[in-house]
Amino acid sequence: MAWAITMVRTTPRNNRVWVYIAVNSPGKHLPMILIAFLLFVGCRVVAAQSDEYLLAEGQQLVALANQARAQAGVPALKWDAALAQAALRHTRRMVSEGGAIQHDYPGELALSERAGLSGAHFNLIEENIAVGPTSPEIHDAWMHSKLHRENMLNPEVDRIGIAVIAKRGVLYATADFTRGVVAYSPAQVEEQVGSLVARNGVKLISDHALAREACTANRGFPRVENGAQPSFVMRWQDSDLTHLPPNLVSQLSSKRFHEAAIGSCPASGEAGTFTAYRIAVLLY
C-alpha cells in the first residue's frame, strides 16, 4: 500500500514546517416501483455512510497517540470536539480532491482559521494528515516520520481532534493538536485580571468604561472629562491570564497606587483565530 502522509505546525506568527512522504403510482407496477425506490435510497445511504466520520478509527488513533506519549513520559492529550469538527471538514476536502493530500487546498481556510472558526481555543496548533489502509498503520507511519512524531509527542500540546473517512479502499485521516486556552468572556477576563491586581492590596474600581476605552487604544492615556486621571496605564495581549506582566507587577509592588480599573477589549494584530485576550489596567 502506498503511503501519503504530511504534517504542518502553525504558531501565531504563522511559521510552518512541512514534510511529505511518500409518488403515487397506481396499479400492478407499484411493488416494482417501491422496490426500485428502496434500492435507490439504500444505495444513497450506503454511499453516504462510506464518507462519514469513522469514530472508532479516530478514537483508536487517539488511544495510540496517548500510548506513545505515555511511553515518552508526556501527559495524555484530551479530546477536543471543536478540533475534531475542523479535522472532519478538512478530511472531507481531502477525500473530495482525490489526488495528493495537502493541508491547504485552493479556496480553503488555513489550519488555524479552520480550528478557530470551529470553536477551538488555542495558542499553538499542529496537524498531521495521512492516507493509509488502517489506523494502526497510519499511526505507525506518523511515528516513523520525525516531524509527525514530534507533533504527536510534543509536550506543549494538550488537546487533540481526529477525523477518519474511508473512501476508495483506504482511510483518510486528519489529526489536529493544540495547546488549549481557557475561553473567557470579556467580563470574565476583567474579573480574572482584577483578582490578580487586588492581591497587591489595590482597590478595584467597579466602573470599567474608562479602562475599556484605554484598551482599544495603542498608546497614551484615556481622556478624562471628570474625575481623577490615571497615573499609569498598562496594555497587553496574552492567552494566559494566570499572571500579570512583570512591569505591571513592579508598579503594583511599589505601593504608589491605591486604586485600579480593569478593561477588556477584542484582541488585535497577529492573534487572528488564535485565542488571545487584550487588557488594560489603569492605576491611580
C-alpha atoms as a PDB file:
ATOM      1  CA  MET A   1       0.000   0.000   0.000  1.00  0.00           C
ATOM      2  CA  ALA A   2       1.420   3.378  -0.970  1.00  0.00           C
ATOM      3  CA  TRP A   3       1.521   5.887   1.839  1.00  0.00           C
ATOM      4  CA  ALA A   4       0.777   9.572   1.746  1.00  0.00           C
ATOM      5  CA  ILE A   5       1.333  11.480   4.961  1.00  0.00           C
ATOM      6  CA  THR A   6       2.048  15.097   5.704  1.00  0.00           C
ATOM      7  CA  MET A   7       2.132  17.483   8.619  1.00  0.00           C
ATOM      8  CA  VAL A   8       2.104  21.187   9.398  1.00  0.00           C
ATOM      9  CA  ARG A   9       2.878  23.159  12.535  1.00  0.00           C
ATOM     10  CA  THR A  10       1.472  26.664  12.976  1.00  0.00           C
ATOM     11  CA  THR A  11       2.039  29.319  15.636  1.00  0.00           C
ATOM     12  CA  PRO A  12       0.518  32.823  15.957  1.00  0.00           C
ATOM     13  CA  ARG A  13       3.366  34.098  13.793  1.00  0.00           C
ATOM     14  CA  ASN A  14       2.322  31.598  11.103  1.00  0.00           C
ATOM     15  CA  ASN A  15       5.639  29.721  10.956  1.00  0.00           C
ATOM     16  CA  ARG A  16       5.290  26.397   9.179  1.00  0.00           C
ATOM     17  CA  VAL A  17       7.363  23.278   8.727  1.00  0.00           C
ATOM     18  CA  TRP A  18       6.334  20.788   6.023  1.00  0.00           C
ATOM     19  CA  VAL A  19       7.315  17.234   5.178  1.00  0.00           C
ATOM     20  CA  TYR A  20       5.894  14.872   2.529  1.00  0.00           C
ATOM     21  CA  ILE A  21       6.401  11.104   2.426  1.00  0.00           C
ATOM     22  CA  ALA A  22       5.993   9.486   0.104  1.00  0.00           C
ATOM     23  CA  VAL A  23     -45.435   9.372  -5.583  1.00  0.00           C
ATOM     24  CA  ASN A  24     -48.363   7.815  -6.207  1.00  0.00           C
ATOM     25  CA  SER A  25     -48.183   5.116  -8.730  1.00  0.00           C
ATOM     26  CA  PRO A  26     -51.400   3.081  -9.094  1.00  0.00           C
ATOM     27  CA  GLY A  27     -51.680  -0.416 -10.451  1.00  0.00           C
ATOM     28  CA  LYS A  28     -49.608  -3.564 -10.592  1.00  0.00           C
ATOM     29  CA  HIS A  29     -46.326  -1.697 -11.093  1.00  0.00           C
ATOM     30  CA  LEU A  30     -46.396  -0.255  -7.557  1.00  0.00           C
ATOM     31  CA  PRO A  31     -44.335  -3.048  -5.917  1.00  0.00           C
ATOM     32  CA  MET A  32     -41.604  -2.786  -8.541  1.00  0.00           C
ATOM     33  CA  ILE A  33     -41.545   0.989  -8.275  1.00  0.00           C
ATOM     34  CA  LEU A  34     -41.383   0.720  -4.491  1.00  0.00           C
ATOM     35  CA  ILE A  35     -38.532  -1.802  -4.668  1.00  0.00           C
ATOM     36  CA  ALA A  36     -36.641   0.375  -7.106  1.00  0.00           C
ATOM     37  CA  PHE A  37     -37.169   3.367  -4.855  1.00  0.00           C
ATOM     38  CA  LEU A  38     -35.929   1.483  -1.795  1.00  0.00           C
ATOM     39  CA  LEU A  39     -32.907   0.201  -3.675  1.00  0.00           C
ATOM     40  CA  PHE A  40     -32.132   3.735  -4.763  1.00  0.00           C
ATOM     41  CA  VAL A  41     -32.455   5.060  -1.209  1.00  0.00           C
ATOM     42  CA  GLY A  42     -30.404   2.142   0.103  1.00  0.00           C
ATOM     43  CA  CYS A  43     -27.600   2.865  -2.336  1.00  0.00           C
ATOM     44  CA  ARG A  44     -27.642   6.521  -1.361  1.00  0.00           C
ATOM     45  CA  VAL A  45     -27.429   5.597   2.341  1.00  0.00           C
ATOM     46  CA  VAL A  46     -24.510   3.225   1.770  1.00  0.00           C
ATOM     47  CA  ALA A  47     -22.726   5.845  -0.291  1.00  0.00           C
ATOM     48  CA  ALA A  48     -23.283   8.458   2.400  1.00  0.00           C
ATOM     49  CA  GLN A  49     -22.078   6.142   5.140  1.00  0.00           C
ATOM     50  CA  SER A  50     -18.875   5.417   3.252  1.00  0.00           C
ATOM     51  CA  ASP A  51     -17.970   9.088   3.502  1.00  0.00           C
ATOM     52  CA  GLU A  52     -18.950   9.540   7.134  1.00  0.00           C
ATOM     53  CA  TYR A  53     -16.678  10.126  10.056  1.00  0.00           C
ATOM     54  CA  LEU A  54     -15.371   6.804  11.403  1.00  0.00           C
ATOM     55  CA  LEU A  55     -15.472   7.406  15.146  1.00  0.00           C
ATOM     56  CA  ALA A  56     -13.920   4.082  16.201  1.00  0.00           C
ATOM     57  CA  GLU A  57     -10.914   4.522  13.927  1.00  0.00           C
ATOM     58  CA  GLY A  58     -10.399   8.070  15.123  1.00  0.00           C
ATOM     59  CA  GLN A  59     -10.591   7.051  18.766  1.00  0.00           C
ATOM     60  CA  GLN A  60      -8.103   4.261  18.045  1.00  0.00           C
ATOM     61  CA  LEU A  61      -5.661   6.845  16.734  1.00  0.00           C
ATOM     62  CA  VAL A  62      -6.179   8.919  19.886  1.00  0.00           C
ATOM     63  CA  ALA A  63      -5.502   5.887  22.076  1.00  0.00           C
ATOM     64  CA  LEU A  64      -2.377   5.011  20.120  1.00  0.00           C
ATOM     65  CA  ALA A  65      -1.136   8.590  20.357  1.00  0.00           C
ATOM     66  CA  ASN A  66      -1.634   8.631  24.123  1.00  0.00           C
ATOM     67  CA  GLN A  67       0.100   5.272  24.486  1.00  0.00           C
ATOM     68  CA  ALA A  68       3.087   6.687  22.649  1.00  0.00           C
ATOM     69  CA  ARG A  69       3.029   9.822  24.794  1.00  0.00           C
ATOM     70  CA  ALA A  70       2.898   7.749  27.971  1.00  0.00           C
ATOM     71  CA  GLN A  71       5.943   5.782  26.830  1.00  0.00           C
ATOM     72  CA  ALA A  72       7.712   9.074  26.166  1.00  0.00           C
ATOM     73  CA  GLY A  73       6.745  10.436  29.603  1.00  0.00           C
ATOM     74  CA  VAL A  74       4.425  13.088  28.133  1.00  0.00           C
ATOM     75  CA  PRO A  75       0.915  13.849  29.516  1.00  0.00           C
ATOM     76  CA  ALA A  76      -2.057  12.427  27.629  1.00  0.00           C
ATOM     77  CA  LEU A  77      -3.983  14.507  25.115  1.00  0.00           C
ATOM     78  CA  LYS A  78      -7.597  15.477  25.844  1.00  0.00           C
ATOM     79  CA  TRP A  79     -10.285  15.112  23.186  1.00  0.00           C
ATOM     80  CA  ASP A  80     -11.491  18.405  21.706  1.00  0.00           C
ATOM     81  CA  ALA A  81     -14.782  18.177  19.797  1.00  0.00           C
ATOM     82  CA  ALA A  82     -14.226  21.516  18.042  1.00  0.00           C
ATOM     83  CA  LEU A  83     -10.858  20.334  16.767  1.00  0.00           C
ATOM     84  CA  ALA A  84     -12.459  17.119  15.560  1.00  0.00           C
ATOM     85  CA  GLN A  85     -15.017  19.142  13.564  1.00  0.00           C
ATOM     86  CA  ALA A  86     -12.227  21.146  11.956  1.00  0.00           C
ATOM     87  CA  ALA A  87     -10.373  17.924  11.178  1.00  0.00           C
ATOM     88  CA  LEU A  88     -13.514  16.387   9.683  1.00  0.00           C
ATOM     89  CA  ARG A  89     -14.047  19.322   7.330  1.00  0.00           C
ATOM     90  CA  HIS A  90     -10.503  19.045   6.081  1.00  0.00           C
ATOM     91  CA  THR A  91     -10.681  15.260   5.755  1.00  0.00           C
ATOM     92  CA  ARG A  92     -13.807  15.595   3.602  1.00  0.00           C
ATOM     93  CA  ARG A  93     -11.911  18.064   1.442  1.00  0.00           C
ATOM     94  CA  MET A  94      -9.026  15.613   1.052  1.00  0.00           C
ATOM     95  CA  VAL A  95     -11.481  12.907   0.013  1.00  0.00           C
ATOM     96  CA  SER A  96     -13.202  15.198  -2.485  1.00  0.00           C
ATOM     97  CA  GLU A  97      -9.898  16.201  -4.080  1.00  0.00           C
ATOM     98  CA  GLY A  98      -8.995  12.562  -4.730  1.00  0.00           C
ATOM     99  CA  GLY A  99      -5.347  13.325  -5.501  1.00  0.00           C
ATOM    100  CA  ALA A 100      -2.317  14.183  -3.403  1.00  0.00           C
ATOM    101  CA  ILE A 101      -3.287  15.133   0.143  1.00  0.00           C
ATOM    102  CA  GLN A 102      -2.310  18.527   1.499  1.00  0.00           C
ATOM    103  CA  HIS A 103      -3.056  20.900   4.358  1.00  0.00           C
ATOM    104  CA  ASP A 104      -4.354  23.863   2.380  1.00  0.00           C
ATOM    105  CA  TYR A 105      -6.343  23.468  -0.828  1.00  0.00           C
ATOM    106  CA  PRO A 106      -7.240  26.400  -3.075  1.00  0.00           C
ATOM    107  CA  GLY A 107     -10.053  28.392  -1.507  1.00  0.00           C
ATOM    108  CA  GLU A 108      -9.782  26.569   1.826  1.00  0.00           C
ATOM    109  CA  LEU A 109      -9.167  28.328   5.106  1.00  0.00           C
ATOM    110  CA  ALA A 110      -5.784  27.931   6.751  1.00  0.00           C
ATOM    111  CA  LEU A 111      -5.368  25.434   9.592  1.00  0.00           C
ATOM    112  CA  SER A 112      -5.653  27.948  12.436  1.00  0.00           C
ATOM    113  CA  GLU A 113      -8.720  29.545  10.832  1.00  0.00           C
ATOM    114  CA  ARG A 114     -10.447  26.181  10.377  1.00  0.00           C
ATOM    115  CA  ALA A 115      -9.904  25.324  14.026  1.00  0.00           C
ATOM    116  CA  GLY A 116     -10.740  28.750  15.391  1.00  0.00           C
ATOM    117  CA  LEU A 117     -13.961  29.077  13.421  1.00  0.00           C
ATOM    118  CA  SER A 118     -14.960  25.587  14.607  1.00  0.00           C
ATOM    119  CA  GLY A 119     -14.853  26.879  18.187  1.00  0.00           C
ATOM    120  CA  ALA A 120     -11.455  25.681  19.368  1.00  0.00           C
ATOM    121  CA  HIS A 121      -9.423  27.936  21.674  1.00  0.00           C
ATOM    122  CA  PHE A 122      -5.647  27.634  21.390  1.00  0.00           C
ATOM    123  CA  ASN A 123      -2.344  29.439  21.066  1.00  0.00           C
ATOM    124  CA  LEU A 124      -0.431  26.671  19.285  1.00  0.00           C
ATOM    125  CA  ILE A 125      -1.710  24.283  16.624  1.00  0.00           C
ATOM    126  CA  GLU A 126      -0.176  21.407  14.671  1.00  0.00           C
ATOM    127  CA  GLU A 127      -1.589  18.966  12.132  1.00  0.00           C
ATOM    128  CA  ASN A 128      -0.783  15.517  10.743  1.00  0.00           C
ATOM    129  CA  ILE A 129      -2.645  14.111   7.759  1.00  0.00           C
ATOM    130  CA  ALA A 130      -2.372  10.745   6.043  1.00  0.00           C
ATOM    131  CA  VAL A 131      -3.863   8.173   3.693  1.00  0.00           C
ATOM    132  CA  GLY A 132      -3.365   4.544   4.663  1.00  0.00           C
ATOM    133  CA  PRO A 133      -5.012   1.122   4.986  1.00  0.00           C
ATOM    134  CA  THR A 134      -5.697   1.059   8.754  1.00  0.00           C
ATOM    135  CA  SER A 135      -5.487   3.304  11.795  1.00  0.00           C
ATOM    136  CA  PRO A 136      -2.556   1.391  13.359  1.00  0.00           C
ATOM    137  CA  GLU A 137      -0.620   1.648  10.109  1.00  0.00           C
ATOM    138  CA  ILE A 138      -1.295   5.380   9.894  1.00  0.00           C
ATOM    139  CA  HIS A 139      -0.092   5.775  13.477  1.00  0.00           C
ATOM    140  CA  ASP A 140       2.999   3.711  12.725  1.00  0.00           C
ATOM    141  CA  ALA A 141       3.801   5.881   9.705  1.00  0.00           C
ATOM    142  CA  TRP A 142       3.460   9.042  11.787  1.00  0.00           C
ATOM    143  CA  MET A 143       5.718   7.580  14.461  1.00  0.00           C
ATOM    144  CA  HIS A 144       8.398   6.736  11.886  1.00  0.00           C
ATOM    145  CA  SER A 145       8.414  10.246  10.426  1.00  0.00           C
ATOM    146  CA  LYS A 146      10.486  12.632  12.540  1.00  0.00           C
ATOM    147  CA  LEU A 147       8.292  15.709  12.283  1.00  0.00           C
ATOM    148  CA  HIS A 148       4.991  13.808  12.570  1.00  0.00           C
ATOM    149  CA  ARG A 149       6.351  12.085  15.668  1.00  0.00           C
ATOM    150  CA  GLU A 150       7.397  15.437  17.109  1.00  0.00           C
ATOM    151  CA  ASN A 151       3.883  16.777  16.595  1.00  0.00           C
ATOM    152  CA  MET A 152       2.311  13.793  18.319  1.00  0.00           C
ATOM    153  CA  LEU A 153       4.725  13.730  21.244  1.00  0.00           C
ATOM    154  CA  ASN A 154       5.059  17.495  21.664  1.00  0.00           C
ATOM    155  CA  PRO A 155       4.758  18.195  25.425  1.00  0.00           C
ATOM    156  CA  GLU A 156       3.474  21.699  24.636  1.00  0.00           C
ATOM    157  CA  VAL A 157       0.190  20.413  23.121  1.00  0.00           C
ATOM    158  CA  ASP A 158      -2.601  19.052  25.313  1.00  0.00           C
ATOM    159  CA  ARG A 159      -5.679  18.748  23.021  1.00  0.00           C
ATOM    160  CA  ILE A 160      -6.442  16.503  20.059  1.00  0.00           C
ATOM    161  CA  GLY A 161      -9.178  16.176  17.456  1.00  0.00           C
ATOM    162  CA  ILE A 162      -9.099  13.448  14.804  1.00  0.00           C
ATOM    163  CA  ALA A 163     -11.325  12.614  11.843  1.00  0.00           C
ATOM    164  CA  VAL A 164     -11.103   9.493   9.682  1.00  0.00           C
ATOM    165  CA  ILE A 165     -13.067   8.770   6.491  1.00  0.00           C
ATOM    166  CA  ALA A 166     -12.998   5.555   4.435  1.00  0.00           C
ATOM    167  CA  LYS A 167     -13.006   6.035   0.670  1.00  0.00           C
ATOM    168  CA  ARG A 168     -11.531   4.236  -2.331  1.00  0.00           C
ATOM    169  CA  GLY A 169     -10.431   1.334  -0.152  1.00  0.00           C
ATOM    170  CA  VAL A 170      -8.266   3.446   2.172  1.00  0.00           C
ATOM    171  CA  LEU A 171      -8.592   5.677   5.217  1.00  0.00           C
ATOM    172  CA  TYR A 172      -8.116   9.423   5.038  1.00  0.00           C
ATOM    173  CA  ALA A 173      -7.093  10.869   8.404  1.00  0.00           C
ATOM    174  CA  THR A 174      -6.535  14.316   9.866  1.00  0.00           C
ATOM    175  CA  ALA A 175      -5.178  14.842  13.380  1.00  0.00           C
ATOM    176  CA  ASP A 176      -5.126  18.333  14.883  1.00  0.00           C
ATOM    177  CA  PHE A 177      -3.135  19.018  18.051  1.00  0.00           C
ATOM    178  CA  THR A 178      -3.312  22.234  20.077  1.00  0.00           C
ATOM    179  CA  ARG A 179      -2.224  23.855  23.273  1.00  0.00           C
ATOM    180  CA  GLY A 180      -5.625  24.704  24.662  1.00  0.00           C
ATOM    181  CA  VAL A 181      -6.591  28.082  26.080  1.00  0.00           C
ATOM    182  CA  VAL A 182      -9.334  28.715  28.632  1.00  0.00           C
ATOM    183  CA  ALA A 183     -12.270  30.501  26.977  1.00  0.00           C
ATOM    184  CA  TYR A 184     -13.211  33.663  28.893  1.00  0.00           C
ATOM    185  CA  SER A 185     -15.940  36.222  28.220  1.00  0.00           C
ATOM    186  CA  PRO A 186     -14.857  39.903  28.399  1.00  0.00           C
ATOM    187  CA  ALA A 187     -16.380  40.161  31.876  1.00  0.00           C
ATOM    188  CA  GLN A 188     -14.540  37.042  32.989  1.00  0.00           C
ATOM    189  CA  VAL A 189     -11.266  38.458  31.656  1.00  0.00           C
ATOM    190  CA  GLU A 190     -11.758  41.576  33.767  1.00  0.00           C
ATOM    191  CA  GLU A 191     -12.683  39.507  36.806  1.00  0.00           C
ATOM    192  CA  GLN A 192      -9.649  37.237  36.425  1.00  0.00           C
ATOM    193  CA  VAL A 193      -7.163  40.066  35.935  1.00  0.00           C
ATOM    194  CA  GLY A 194      -8.841  42.084  38.673  1.00  0.00           C
ATOM    195  CA  SER A 195      -8.340  39.257  41.166  1.00  0.00           C
ATOM    196  CA  LEU A 196      -4.612  39.244  40.394  1.00  0.00           C
ATOM    197  CA  VAL A 197      -4.354  43.011  40.780  1.00  0.00           C
ATOM    198  CA  ALA A 198      -6.330  43.018  44.035  1.00  0.00           C
ATOM    199  CA  ARG A 199      -3.856  40.612  45.634  1.00  0.00           C
ATOM    200  CA  ASN A 200      -1.440  43.526  45.757  1.00  0.00           C
ATOM    201  CA  GLY A 201      -3.678  45.492  48.119  1.00  0.00           C
ATOM    202  CA  VAL A 202      -5.119  47.742  45.411  1.00  0.00           C
ATOM    203  CA  LYS A 203      -8.828  48.597  45.446  1.00  0.00           C
ATOM    204  CA  LEU A 204     -10.686  47.787  42.235  1.00  0.00           C
ATOM    205  CA  ILE A 205     -12.865  50.437  40.611  1.00  0.00           C
ATOM    206  CA  SER A 206     -16.246  48.978  39.647  1.00  0.00           C
ATOM    207  CA  ASP A 207     -16.655  51.190  36.563  1.00  0.00           C
ATOM    208  CA  HIS A 208     -14.797  49.558  33.637  1.00  0.00           C
ATOM    209  CA  ALA A 209     -15.712  52.124  30.954  1.00  0.00           C
ATOM    210  CA  LEU A 210     -12.505  54.195  31.011  1.00  0.00           C
ATOM    211  CA  ALA A 211     -10.253  51.127  31.128  1.00  0.00           C
ATOM    212  CA  ARG A 212     -12.144  49.569  28.238  1.00  0.00           C
ATOM    213  CA  GLU A 213     -11.631  52.761  26.255  1.00  0.00           C
ATOM    214  CA  ALA A 214      -7.932  52.687  27.075  1.00  0.00           C
ATOM    215  CA  CYS A 215      -7.777  49.043  25.998  1.00  0.00           C
ATOM    216  CA  THR A 216      -8.812  49.876  22.447  1.00  0.00           C
ATOM    217  CA  ALA A 217      -6.054  52.498  22.074  1.00  0.00           C
ATOM    218  CA  ASN A 218      -2.469  51.661  21.201  1.00  0.00           C
ATOM    219  CA  ARG A 219      -0.802  54.312  23.337  1.00  0.00           C
ATOM    220  CA  GLY A 220      -1.349  57.233  25.668  1.00  0.00           C
ATOM    221  CA  PHE A 221      -3.815  57.910  28.456  1.00  0.00           C
ATOM    222  CA  PRO A 222      -7.593  57.885  28.030  1.00  0.00           C
ATOM    223  CA  ARG A 223      -9.250  61.314  28.074  1.00  0.00           C
ATOM    224  CA  VAL A 224     -10.940  62.033  31.393  1.00  0.00           C
ATOM    225  CA  GLU A 225     -13.805  64.554  31.352  1.00  0.00           C
ATOM    226  CA  ASN A 226     -14.460  64.431  35.078  1.00  0.00           C
ATOM    227  CA  GLY A 227     -12.652  62.688  37.870  1.00  0.00           C
ATOM    228  CA  ALA A 228      -9.118  61.579  38.532  1.00  0.00           C
ATOM    229  CA  GLN A 229      -6.581  60.958  35.777  1.00  0.00           C
ATOM    230  CA  PRO A 230      -4.793  57.597  35.994  1.00  0.00           C
ATOM    231  CA  SER A 231      -1.081  57.811  36.743  1.00  0.00           C
ATOM    232  CA  PHE A 232      -0.102  54.611  34.961  1.00  0.00           C
ATOM    233  CA  VAL A 233      -1.569  52.648  32.058  1.00  0.00           C
ATOM    234  CA  MET A 234      -0.601  49.087  31.141  1.00  0.00           C
ATOM    235  CA  ARG A 235      -1.900  47.369  27.993  1.00  0.00           C
ATOM    236  CA  TRP A 236      -1.059  43.865  26.902  1.00  0.00           C
ATOM    237  CA  GLN A 237      -2.353  40.889  24.976  1.00  0.00           C
ATOM    238  CA  ASP A 238      -1.910  37.251  26.023  1.00  0.00           C
ATOM    239  CA  SER A 239      -3.651  33.882  26.105  1.00  0.00           C
ATOM    240  CA  ASP A 240      -2.512  33.139  29.668  1.00  0.00           C
ATOM    241  CA  LEU A 241      -4.354  35.057  32.371  1.00  0.00           C
ATOM    242  CA  THR A 242      -2.775  33.299  35.338  1.00  0.00           C
ATOM    243  CA  HIS A 243      -0.165  36.002  35.888  1.00  0.00           C
ATOM    244  CA  LEU A 244       0.422  39.706  35.300  1.00  0.00           C
ATOM    245  CA  PRO A 245       3.151  41.220  33.112  1.00  0.00           C
ATOM    246  CA  PRO A 246       6.396  41.847  35.054  1.00  0.00           C
ATOM    247  CA  ASN A 247       6.247  45.610  34.504  1.00  0.00           C
ATOM    248  CA  LEU A 248       2.756  45.785  35.995  1.00  0.00           C
ATOM    249  CA  VAL A 249       3.825  43.625  38.939  1.00  0.00           C
ATOM    250  CA  SER A 250       6.715  46.010  39.544  1.00  0.00           C
ATOM    251  CA  GLN A 251       4.410  49.033  39.532  1.00  0.00           C
ATOM    252  CA  LEU A 252       1.994  47.381  41.942  1.00  0.00           C
ATOM    253  CA  SER A 253       4.845  46.359  44.228  1.00  0.00           C
ATOM    254  CA  SER A 254       5.939  49.978  44.541  1.00  0.00           C
ATOM    255  CA  LYS A 255       2.892  50.672  46.720  1.00  0.00           C
ATOM    256  CA  ARG A 256       2.466  54.045  44.995  1.00  0.00           C
ATOM    257  CA  PHE A 257      -1.006  53.135  43.708  1.00  0.00           C
ATOM    258  CA  HIS A 258      -4.193  52.583  45.692  1.00  0.00           C
ATOM    259  CA  GLU A 259      -6.877  52.021  43.039  1.00  0.00           C
ATOM    260  CA  ALA A 260      -7.084  50.212  39.711  1.00  0.00           C
ATOM    261  CA  ALA A 261      -9.554  49.911  36.843  1.00  0.00           C
ATOM    262  CA  ILE A 262      -9.569  46.872  34.564  1.00  0.00           C
ATOM    263  CA  GLY A 263     -10.839  46.837  30.972  1.00  0.00           C
ATOM    264  CA  SER A 264     -11.004  44.160  28.296  1.00  0.00           C
ATOM    265  CA  CYS A 265     -11.444  44.555  24.543  1.00  0.00           C
ATOM    266  CA  PRO A 266     -11.079  42.369  21.424  1.00  0.00           C
ATOM    267  CA  ALA A 267      -7.572  41.150  20.660  1.00  0.00           C
ATOM    268  CA  SER A 268      -5.842  42.763  17.733  1.00  0.00           C
ATOM    269  CA  GLY A 269      -2.898  42.309  15.397  1.00  0.00           C
ATOM    270  CA  GLU A 270      -1.437  38.908  14.659  1.00  0.00           C
ATOM    271  CA  ALA A 271      -3.709  36.975  17.036  1.00  0.00           C
ATOM    272  CA  GLY A 272      -6.134  36.080  14.226  1.00  0.00           C
ATOM    273  CA  THR A 273      -8.033  32.924  15.128  1.00  0.00           C
ATOM    274  CA  PHE A 274      -5.556  32.085  17.867  1.00  0.00           C
ATOM    275  CA  THR A 275      -7.122  32.768  21.253  1.00  0.00           C
ATOM    276  CA  ALA A 276      -5.741  35.863  22.974  1.00  0.00           C
ATOM    277  CA  TYR A 277      -7.109  38.463  25.363  1.00  0.00           C
ATOM    278  CA  ARG A 278      -6.351  42.175  25.334  1.00  0.00           C
ATOM    279  CA  ILE A 279      -6.424  44.017  28.662  1.00  0.00           C
ATOM    280  CA  ALA A 280      -5.782  47.484  30.018  1.00  0.00           C
ATOM    281  CA  VAL A 281      -5.082  48.292  33.662  1.00  0.00           C
ATOM    282  CA  LEU A 282      -5.270  51.876  34.922  1.00  0.00           C
ATOM    283  CA  LEU A 283      -3.539  52.637  38.198  1.00  0.00           C
ATOM    284  CA  TYR A 284      -4.397  55.598  40.446  1.00  0.00           C
END
